Amino acid sequence: MALGAVIAAVALAGCGAAPEEPPQPPSSSPIPSVSASPTESPTPTPTPTRALAGLTLRQLGFNNGPLDEFSLPSNLQISTRVDQPNVVTIVLASPSPELIEDYLRATLPQEGFTIDARAAAGQAMTFAGHGWTGGFTGTGANSAVVLRPR
């Protein structure tokens, strides 16, 4: 059922070309880590560290989207991707939705994006920047990111 929710999110992302076989990052990449002060609120903003290694859309082999401004954790496993001028969709099998959301919360502001809204941890987020709007959703072990030009 969790996979069905991610597939539904991808279906809503837009129609277009068939998904491409995604390139996979090196398996020796470190797992991203975030830290937060124990005195912060129950949903603290992660503090970026050097261990937050990421790969840009360009490094992941995409031709569309904010190629050098948007990144995802370097230890990701892409299960489905759509790479079109009007929509970029990335369905991730790993890491967990919570880790991806932590990574995005830590890096999006540094990369020039504004986080517009956020649901419960690891479940949903919207953001905008560099002429693009984006959405993240996660359920179970799967998650997806959708990027659209403004």
N, C-alpha and C. Protein backbone atom coordinates (compact mmCIF):
# COMPACT_ATOMS: atom_id res chain seq x y z
N MET A 1 0.82 -1.19 0.00
CA MET A 1 0.00 0.00 0.00
C MET A 1 0.86 1.25 0.00
N ALA A 2 2.00 1.26 0.73
CA ALA A 2 2.87 2.43 0.78
C ALA A 2 3.42 2.73 -0.60
N LEU A 3 3.80 1.69 -1.32
CA LEU A 3 4.31 1.90 -2.66
C LEU A 3 3.23 2.49 -3.55
N GLY A 4 1.97 2.12 -3.32
CA GLY A 4 0.86 2.67 -4.10
C GLY A 4 0.75 4.17 -3.93
N ALA A 5 0.99 4.67 -2.73
CA ALA A 5 0.93 6.12 -2.49
C ALA A 5 2.03 6.84 -3.24
N VAL A 6 3.22 6.25 -3.26
CA VAL A 6 4.33 6.88 -3.99
C VAL A 6 4.04 6.84 -5.48
N ILE A 7 3.52 5.72 -5.98
CA ILE A 7 3.19 5.62 -7.40
C ILE A 7 2.11 6.63 -7.76
N ALA A 8 1.13 6.82 -6.88
CA ALA A 8 0.09 7.83 -7.14
C ALA A 8 0.70 9.22 -7.21
N ALA A 9 1.66 9.52 -6.35
CA ALA A 9 2.32 10.83 -6.38
C ALA A 9 3.05 11.03 -7.70
N VAL A 10 3.69 9.98 -8.18
CA VAL A 10 4.39 10.08 -9.45
C VAL A 10 3.40 10.25 -10.60
N ALA A 11 2.30 9.53 -10.55
CA ALA A 11 1.29 9.65 -11.61
C ALA A 11 0.74 11.06 -11.66
N LEU A 12 0.56 11.68 -10.51
CA LEU A 12 0.05 13.05 -10.46
C LEU A 12 1.11 14.06 -10.91
N ALA A 13 2.36 13.65 -10.95
CA ALA A 13 3.43 14.57 -11.31
C ALA A 13 3.38 14.97 -12.77
N GLY A 14 2.78 14.20 -13.60
CA GLY A 14 2.68 14.59 -15.00
C GLY A 14 2.84 13.40 -15.92
N CYS A 15 2.35 13.59 -17.10
CA CYS A 15 2.45 12.56 -18.11
C CYS A 15 3.70 12.82 -18.92
N GLY A 16 4.14 11.82 -19.62
CA GLY A 16 5.28 12.06 -20.50
C GLY A 16 5.97 10.78 -20.85
N ALA A 17 7.24 10.93 -21.11
CA ALA A 17 8.06 9.83 -21.57
C ALA A 17 8.12 8.73 -20.52
N ALA A 18 8.41 7.53 -20.98
CA ALA A 18 8.55 6.41 -20.08
C ALA A 18 9.75 6.64 -19.17
N PRO A 19 9.69 6.12 -17.96
CA PRO A 19 10.80 6.30 -17.04
C PRO A 19 12.09 5.73 -17.63
N GLU A 20 13.19 6.37 -17.30
CA GLU A 20 14.49 5.94 -17.77
C GLU A 20 15.16 5.11 -16.69
N GLU A 21 16.12 4.28 -17.08
CA GLU A 21 16.91 3.54 -16.12
C GLU A 21 17.86 4.53 -15.47
N PRO A 22 17.77 4.72 -14.14
CA PRO A 22 18.57 5.75 -13.49
C PRO A 22 20.01 5.31 -13.27
N PRO A 23 20.96 6.25 -13.36
CA PRO A 23 22.32 5.92 -12.96
C PRO A 23 22.37 5.83 -11.44
N GLN A 24 23.17 4.97 -10.91
CA GLN A 24 23.27 4.82 -9.47
C GLN A 24 24.59 5.41 -8.99
N PRO A 25 24.56 6.10 -7.85
CA PRO A 25 25.79 6.68 -7.30
C PRO A 25 26.70 5.59 -6.79
N PRO A 26 27.96 5.91 -6.55
CA PRO A 26 28.90 4.92 -6.02
C PRO A 26 28.42 4.37 -4.69
N SER A 27 28.64 3.07 -4.47
CA SER A 27 28.16 2.44 -3.26
C SER A 27 28.98 2.81 -2.03
N SER A 28 30.14 3.42 -2.23
CA SER A 28 30.98 3.79 -1.10
C SER A 28 30.65 5.15 -0.53
N SER A 29 29.58 5.79 -1.00
CA SER A 29 29.21 7.12 -0.51
C SER A 29 28.76 7.05 0.93
N PRO A 30 29.12 8.06 1.73
CA PRO A 30 28.70 8.05 3.13
C PRO A 30 27.22 8.33 3.28
N ILE A 31 26.64 7.82 4.36
CA ILE A 31 25.24 8.10 4.67
C ILE A 31 25.18 9.51 5.23
N PRO A 32 24.23 10.33 4.74
CA PRO A 32 24.16 11.69 5.27
C PRO A 32 23.77 11.67 6.74
N SER A 33 24.33 12.61 7.47
CA SER A 33 23.96 12.72 8.87
C SER A 33 23.59 14.15 9.17
N VAL A 34 22.70 14.31 10.09
CA VAL A 34 22.30 15.65 10.52
C VAL A 34 22.34 15.66 12.04
N SER A 35 22.54 16.83 12.58
CA SER A 35 22.52 16.95 14.02
C SER A 35 21.63 18.10 14.41
N ALA A 36 21.06 18.00 15.58
CA ALA A 36 20.20 19.07 16.08
C ALA A 36 20.45 19.22 17.56
N SER A 37 20.35 20.42 18.04
CA SER A 37 20.56 20.71 19.45
C SER A 37 19.41 20.11 20.26
N PRO A 38 19.70 19.47 21.39
CA PRO A 38 18.63 18.86 22.18
C PRO A 38 17.69 19.89 22.81
N THR A 39 18.06 21.18 22.79
CA THR A 39 17.21 22.20 23.39
C THR A 39 16.22 22.78 22.39
N GLU A 40 16.24 22.31 21.16
CA GLU A 40 15.33 22.84 20.15
C GLU A 40 13.96 22.19 20.26
N SER A 41 13.02 22.69 19.46
CA SER A 41 11.65 22.18 19.45
C SER A 41 11.62 20.72 19.01
N PRO A 42 10.48 20.03 19.15
CA PRO A 42 10.38 18.62 18.77
C PRO A 42 10.68 18.36 17.29
N THR A 43 10.56 19.36 16.42
CA THR A 43 10.88 19.18 15.01
C THR A 43 11.98 20.16 14.63
N PRO A 44 13.21 19.93 15.13
CA PRO A 44 14.30 20.86 14.87
C PRO A 44 14.73 20.84 13.41
N THR A 45 15.29 21.95 12.99
CA THR A 45 15.88 22.02 11.66
C THR A 45 17.27 21.41 11.76
N PRO A 46 17.59 20.42 10.89
CA PRO A 46 18.90 19.79 10.96
C PRO A 46 20.00 20.81 10.71
N THR A 47 21.12 20.61 11.38
CA THR A 47 22.29 21.45 11.15
C THR A 47 23.18 20.74 10.15
N PRO A 48 23.42 21.35 8.98
CA PRO A 48 24.24 20.69 7.97
C PRO A 48 25.66 20.45 8.48
N THR A 49 26.23 19.34 8.06
CA THR A 49 27.61 19.03 8.37
C THR A 49 28.30 18.63 7.08
N ARG A 50 29.60 18.50 7.13
CA ARG A 50 30.34 18.09 5.93
C ARG A 50 29.92 16.69 5.48
N ALA A 51 29.36 15.88 6.38
CA ALA A 51 28.95 14.52 6.03
C ALA A 51 27.71 14.51 5.14
N LEU A 52 27.07 15.67 4.95
CA LEU A 52 25.89 15.74 4.10
C LEU A 52 26.30 15.78 2.63
N ALA A 53 26.91 14.72 2.18
CA ALA A 53 27.34 14.65 0.79
C ALA A 53 26.12 14.43 -0.09
N GLY A 54 26.06 15.19 -1.16
CA GLY A 54 24.93 15.07 -2.06
C GLY A 54 25.37 15.05 -3.51
N LEU A 55 24.44 14.66 -4.36
CA LEU A 55 24.65 14.66 -5.80
C LEU A 55 23.62 15.57 -6.43
N THR A 56 24.07 16.45 -7.33
CA THR A 56 23.15 17.34 -8.03
C THR A 56 22.39 16.56 -9.09
N LEU A 57 21.33 17.17 -9.60
CA LEU A 57 20.58 16.54 -10.70
C LEU A 57 21.52 16.25 -11.87
N ARG A 58 22.40 17.18 -12.18
CA ARG A 58 23.35 16.97 -13.28
C ARG A 58 24.22 15.74 -13.01
N GLN A 59 24.73 15.62 -11.80
CA GLN A 59 25.57 14.47 -11.45
C GLN A 59 24.79 13.16 -11.49
N LEU A 60 23.48 13.24 -11.29
CA LEU A 60 22.63 12.05 -11.37
C LEU A 60 22.20 11.74 -12.80
N GLY A 61 22.65 12.56 -13.77
CA GLY A 61 22.36 12.29 -15.17
C GLY A 61 21.11 12.93 -15.71
N PHE A 62 20.53 13.89 -14.98
CA PHE A 62 19.33 14.57 -15.46
C PHE A 62 19.71 15.68 -16.44
N ASN A 63 18.79 15.98 -17.36
CA ASN A 63 18.96 17.05 -18.34
C ASN A 63 18.05 18.23 -18.06
N ASN A 64 17.10 18.07 -17.15
CA ASN A 64 16.11 19.11 -16.85
C ASN A 64 16.06 19.36 -15.35
N GLY A 65 15.51 20.53 -14.99
CA GLY A 65 15.40 20.90 -13.59
C GLY A 65 16.52 21.84 -13.19
N PRO A 66 16.55 22.23 -11.93
CA PRO A 66 17.64 23.07 -11.43
C PRO A 66 18.89 22.19 -11.26
N LEU A 67 19.56 21.95 -12.37
CA LEU A 67 20.60 20.92 -12.47
C LEU A 67 21.72 21.03 -11.45
N ASP A 68 22.20 22.23 -11.18
CA ASP A 68 23.33 22.39 -10.26
C ASP A 68 22.91 22.91 -8.89
N GLU A 69 21.66 23.29 -8.74
CA GLU A 69 21.19 23.87 -7.48
C GLU A 69 20.49 22.86 -6.57
N PHE A 70 19.88 21.83 -7.13
CA PHE A 70 19.12 20.86 -6.33
C PHE A 70 19.93 19.58 -6.20
N SER A 71 20.00 19.05 -4.99
CA SER A 71 20.74 17.80 -4.78
C SER A 71 19.96 16.86 -3.87
N LEU A 72 20.38 15.62 -3.91
CA LEU A 72 19.82 14.57 -3.06
C LEU A 72 20.98 13.83 -2.40
N PRO A 73 20.73 13.09 -1.32
CA PRO A 73 21.82 12.38 -0.65
C PRO A 73 22.57 11.46 -1.61
N SER A 74 23.87 11.38 -1.44
CA SER A 74 24.69 10.61 -2.37
C SER A 74 24.48 9.10 -2.26
N ASN A 75 23.89 8.63 -1.18
CA ASN A 75 23.69 7.19 -1.02
C ASN A 75 22.30 6.74 -1.48
N LEU A 76 21.66 7.52 -2.33
CA LEU A 76 20.30 7.21 -2.75
C LEU A 76 20.23 6.05 -3.74
N GLN A 77 19.06 5.45 -3.81
CA GLN A 77 18.77 4.44 -4.81
C GLN A 77 17.49 4.87 -5.52
N ILE A 78 17.63 5.24 -6.80
CA ILE A 78 16.49 5.69 -7.59
C ILE A 78 15.80 4.48 -8.19
N SER A 79 14.48 4.37 -7.99
CA SER A 79 13.75 3.26 -8.59
C SER A 79 13.05 3.69 -9.87
N THR A 80 12.64 4.95 -9.98
CA THR A 80 11.98 5.46 -11.19
C THR A 80 12.34 6.92 -11.36
N ARG A 81 12.49 7.35 -12.60
CA ARG A 81 12.77 8.76 -12.86
C ARG A 81 12.08 9.21 -14.12
N VAL A 82 11.65 10.47 -14.12
CA VAL A 82 11.09 11.13 -15.30
C VAL A 82 11.90 12.41 -15.45
N ASP A 83 12.44 12.65 -16.65
CA ASP A 83 13.32 13.79 -16.89
C ASP A 83 12.81 14.54 -18.12
N GLN A 84 11.93 15.50 -17.90
CA GLN A 84 11.31 16.26 -18.99
C GLN A 84 11.42 17.74 -18.68
N PRO A 85 11.31 18.60 -19.70
CA PRO A 85 11.36 20.04 -19.45
C PRO A 85 10.25 20.54 -18.53
N ASN A 86 9.08 19.89 -18.56
CA ASN A 86 7.95 20.35 -17.75
C ASN A 86 7.82 19.66 -16.40
N VAL A 87 8.58 18.61 -16.15
CA VAL A 87 8.51 17.92 -14.86
C VAL A 87 9.72 16.99 -14.71
N VAL A 88 10.25 16.99 -13.51
CA VAL A 88 11.29 16.04 -13.12
C VAL A 88 10.74 15.29 -11.92
N THR A 89 10.69 13.97 -12.01
CA THR A 89 10.18 13.15 -10.93
C THR A 89 11.22 12.10 -10.58
N ILE A 90 11.47 11.95 -9.30
CA ILE A 90 12.45 10.97 -8.83
C ILE A 90 11.80 10.16 -7.72
N VAL A 91 11.64 8.86 -7.95
CA VAL A 91 11.11 7.95 -6.92
C VAL A 91 12.31 7.23 -6.32
N LEU A 92 12.39 7.27 -5.00
CA LEU A 92 13.56 6.74 -4.29
C LEU A 92 13.19 5.51 -3.47
N ALA A 93 14.01 4.47 -3.59
CA ALA A 93 13.83 3.27 -2.78
C ALA A 93 14.63 3.37 -1.48
N SER A 94 15.67 4.20 -1.48
CA SER A 94 16.45 4.44 -0.26
C SER A 94 17.26 5.71 -0.45
N PRO A 95 17.68 6.35 0.62
CA PRO A 95 17.45 6.01 2.01
C PRO A 95 16.00 6.25 2.43
N SER A 96 15.73 6.15 3.70
CA SER A 96 14.36 6.29 4.20
C SER A 96 13.81 7.68 3.94
N PRO A 97 12.48 7.81 3.86
CA PRO A 97 11.88 9.13 3.68
C PRO A 97 12.32 10.13 4.76
N GLU A 98 12.49 9.67 5.99
CA GLU A 98 12.91 10.58 7.06
C GLU A 98 14.31 11.13 6.81
N LEU A 99 15.23 10.28 6.35
CA LEU A 99 16.59 10.74 6.06
C LEU A 99 16.61 11.70 4.87
N ILE A 100 15.81 11.42 3.86
CA ILE A 100 15.77 12.32 2.70
C ILE A 100 15.18 13.66 3.12
N GLU A 101 14.12 13.63 3.92
CA GLU A 101 13.53 14.89 4.36
C GLU A 101 14.52 15.68 5.22
N ASP A 102 15.23 15.01 6.11
CA ASP A 102 16.25 15.70 6.92
C ASP A 102 17.30 16.34 6.02
N TYR A 103 17.73 15.60 5.00
CA TYR A 103 18.73 16.13 4.06
C TYR A 103 18.18 17.37 3.35
N LEU A 104 16.95 17.28 2.85
CA LEU A 104 16.36 18.41 2.13
C LEU A 104 16.18 19.62 3.05
N ARG A 105 15.73 19.40 4.26
CA ARG A 105 15.55 20.51 5.20
C ARG A 105 16.88 21.19 5.51
N ALA A 106 17.96 20.43 5.54
CA ALA A 106 19.27 20.99 5.83
C ALA A 106 19.89 21.69 4.62
N THR A 107 19.64 21.17 3.42
CA THR A 107 20.35 21.68 2.24
C THR A 107 19.56 22.64 1.37
N LEU A 108 18.24 22.51 1.30
CA LEU A 108 17.47 23.38 0.41
C LEU A 108 17.73 24.86 0.67
N PRO A 109 17.67 25.34 1.91
CA PRO A 109 17.94 26.77 2.13
C PRO A 109 19.35 27.18 1.68
N GLN A 110 20.34 26.32 1.89
CA GLN A 110 21.71 26.60 1.46
C GLN A 110 21.80 26.67 -0.06
N GLU A 111 20.96 25.91 -0.75
CA GLU A 111 20.99 25.86 -2.21
C GLU A 111 20.09 26.91 -2.84
N GLY A 112 19.50 27.80 -2.03
CA GLY A 112 18.70 28.89 -2.56
C GLY A 112 17.23 28.60 -2.71
N PHE A 113 16.72 27.59 -2.02
CA PHE A 113 15.30 27.24 -2.05
C PHE A 113 14.65 27.68 -0.75
N THR A 114 13.35 27.95 -0.83
CA THR A 114 12.55 28.28 0.34
C THR A 114 11.60 27.13 0.60
N ILE A 115 11.57 26.64 1.82
CA ILE A 115 10.61 25.59 2.19
C ILE A 115 9.30 26.29 2.51
N ASP A 116 8.27 25.99 1.71
CA ASP A 116 6.98 26.67 1.84
C ASP A 116 6.07 26.02 2.88
N ALA A 117 6.03 24.71 2.91
CA ALA A 117 5.14 24.00 3.82
C ALA A 117 5.74 22.64 4.13
N ARG A 118 5.36 22.12 5.29
CA ARG A 118 5.89 20.84 5.71
C ARG A 118 4.85 20.12 6.56
N ALA A 119 4.65 18.83 6.28
CA ALA A 119 3.76 18.00 7.09
C ALA A 119 4.60 17.25 8.12
N ALA A 120 4.06 16.20 8.68
CA ALA A 120 4.79 15.40 9.65
C ALA A 120 6.11 14.92 9.06
N ALA A 121 7.09 14.74 9.92
CA ALA A 121 8.44 14.37 9.49
C ALA A 121 8.43 13.19 8.52
N GLY A 122 9.12 13.37 7.42
CA GLY A 122 9.27 12.31 6.43
C GLY A 122 8.06 12.06 5.57
N GLN A 123 7.01 12.90 5.67
CA GLN A 123 5.80 12.63 4.92
C GLN A 123 5.55 13.58 3.76
N ALA A 124 5.78 14.86 3.93
CA ALA A 124 5.50 15.79 2.82
C ALA A 124 6.15 17.15 3.07
N MET A 125 6.52 17.81 1.96
CA MET A 125 7.13 19.13 2.03
C MET A 125 6.99 19.76 0.65
N THR A 126 6.80 21.08 0.61
CA THR A 126 6.85 21.81 -0.65
C THR A 126 7.90 22.89 -0.53
N PHE A 127 8.51 23.25 -1.67
CA PHE A 127 9.59 24.22 -1.67
C PHE A 127 9.65 24.89 -3.05
N ALA A 128 10.38 26.00 -3.13
CA ALA A 128 10.51 26.73 -4.39
C ALA A 128 11.86 27.42 -4.44
N GLY A 129 12.35 27.61 -5.67
CA GLY A 129 13.60 28.33 -5.87
C GLY A 129 14.14 28.10 -7.26
N HIS A 130 14.95 29.05 -7.73
CA HIS A 130 15.62 28.95 -9.02
C HIS A 130 14.64 28.73 -10.17
N GLY A 131 13.43 29.30 -10.06
CA GLY A 131 12.43 29.18 -11.11
C GLY A 131 11.67 27.87 -11.11
N TRP A 132 11.79 27.10 -10.04
CA TRP A 132 11.14 25.79 -9.95
C TRP A 132 10.36 25.69 -8.64
N THR A 133 9.28 24.91 -8.66
CA THR A 133 8.58 24.53 -7.44
C THR A 133 8.81 23.04 -7.25
N GLY A 134 8.79 22.60 -6.01
CA GLY A 134 9.05 21.20 -5.76
C GLY A 134 8.19 20.65 -4.65
N GLY A 135 8.07 19.35 -4.67
CA GLY A 135 7.35 18.65 -3.62
C GLY A 135 8.07 17.37 -3.27
N PHE A 136 8.02 17.02 -2.01
CA PHE A 136 8.59 15.77 -1.52
C PHE A 136 7.49 15.04 -0.77
N THR A 137 7.40 13.75 -0.96
CA THR A 137 6.46 12.93 -0.20
C THR A 137 7.12 11.60 0.13
N GLY A 138 6.80 11.07 1.29
CA GLY A 138 7.37 9.80 1.69
C GLY A 138 6.35 8.98 2.44
N THR A 139 6.43 7.67 2.26
CA THR A 139 5.56 6.76 2.98
C THR A 139 6.26 5.40 3.04
N GLY A 140 6.23 4.79 4.19
CA GLY A 140 6.91 3.50 4.34
C GLY A 140 8.39 3.64 4.04
N ALA A 141 8.89 2.83 3.12
CA ALA A 141 10.30 2.87 2.76
C ALA A 141 10.56 3.69 1.50
N ASN A 142 9.52 4.19 0.85
CA ASN A 142 9.67 4.89 -0.43
C ASN A 142 9.37 6.37 -0.30
N SER A 143 9.96 7.13 -1.21
CA SER A 143 9.68 8.57 -1.25
C SER A 143 9.82 9.05 -2.68
N ALA A 144 9.36 10.27 -2.93
CA ALA A 144 9.43 10.84 -4.27
C ALA A 144 9.62 12.35 -4.18
N VAL A 145 10.30 12.88 -5.18
CA VAL A 145 10.49 14.31 -5.34
C VAL A 145 9.97 14.67 -6.72
N VAL A 146 9.18 15.74 -6.79
CA VAL A 146 8.66 16.24 -8.07
C VAL A 146 9.07 17.69 -8.18
N LEU A 147 9.64 18.07 -9.32
CA LEU A 147 10.05 19.44 -9.60
C LEU A 147 9.35 19.92 -10.85
N ARG A 148 8.80 21.13 -10.80
CA ARG A 148 8.11 21.72 -11.96
C ARG A 148 8.60 23.15 -12.14
N PRO A 149 8.74 23.58 -13.41
CA PRO A 149 9.10 24.99 -13.62
C PRO A 149 7.94 25.89 -13.20
N ARG A 150 8.27 27.09 -12.74
CA ARG A 150 7.21 28.05 -12.34
C ARG A 150 6.52 28.58 -13.56
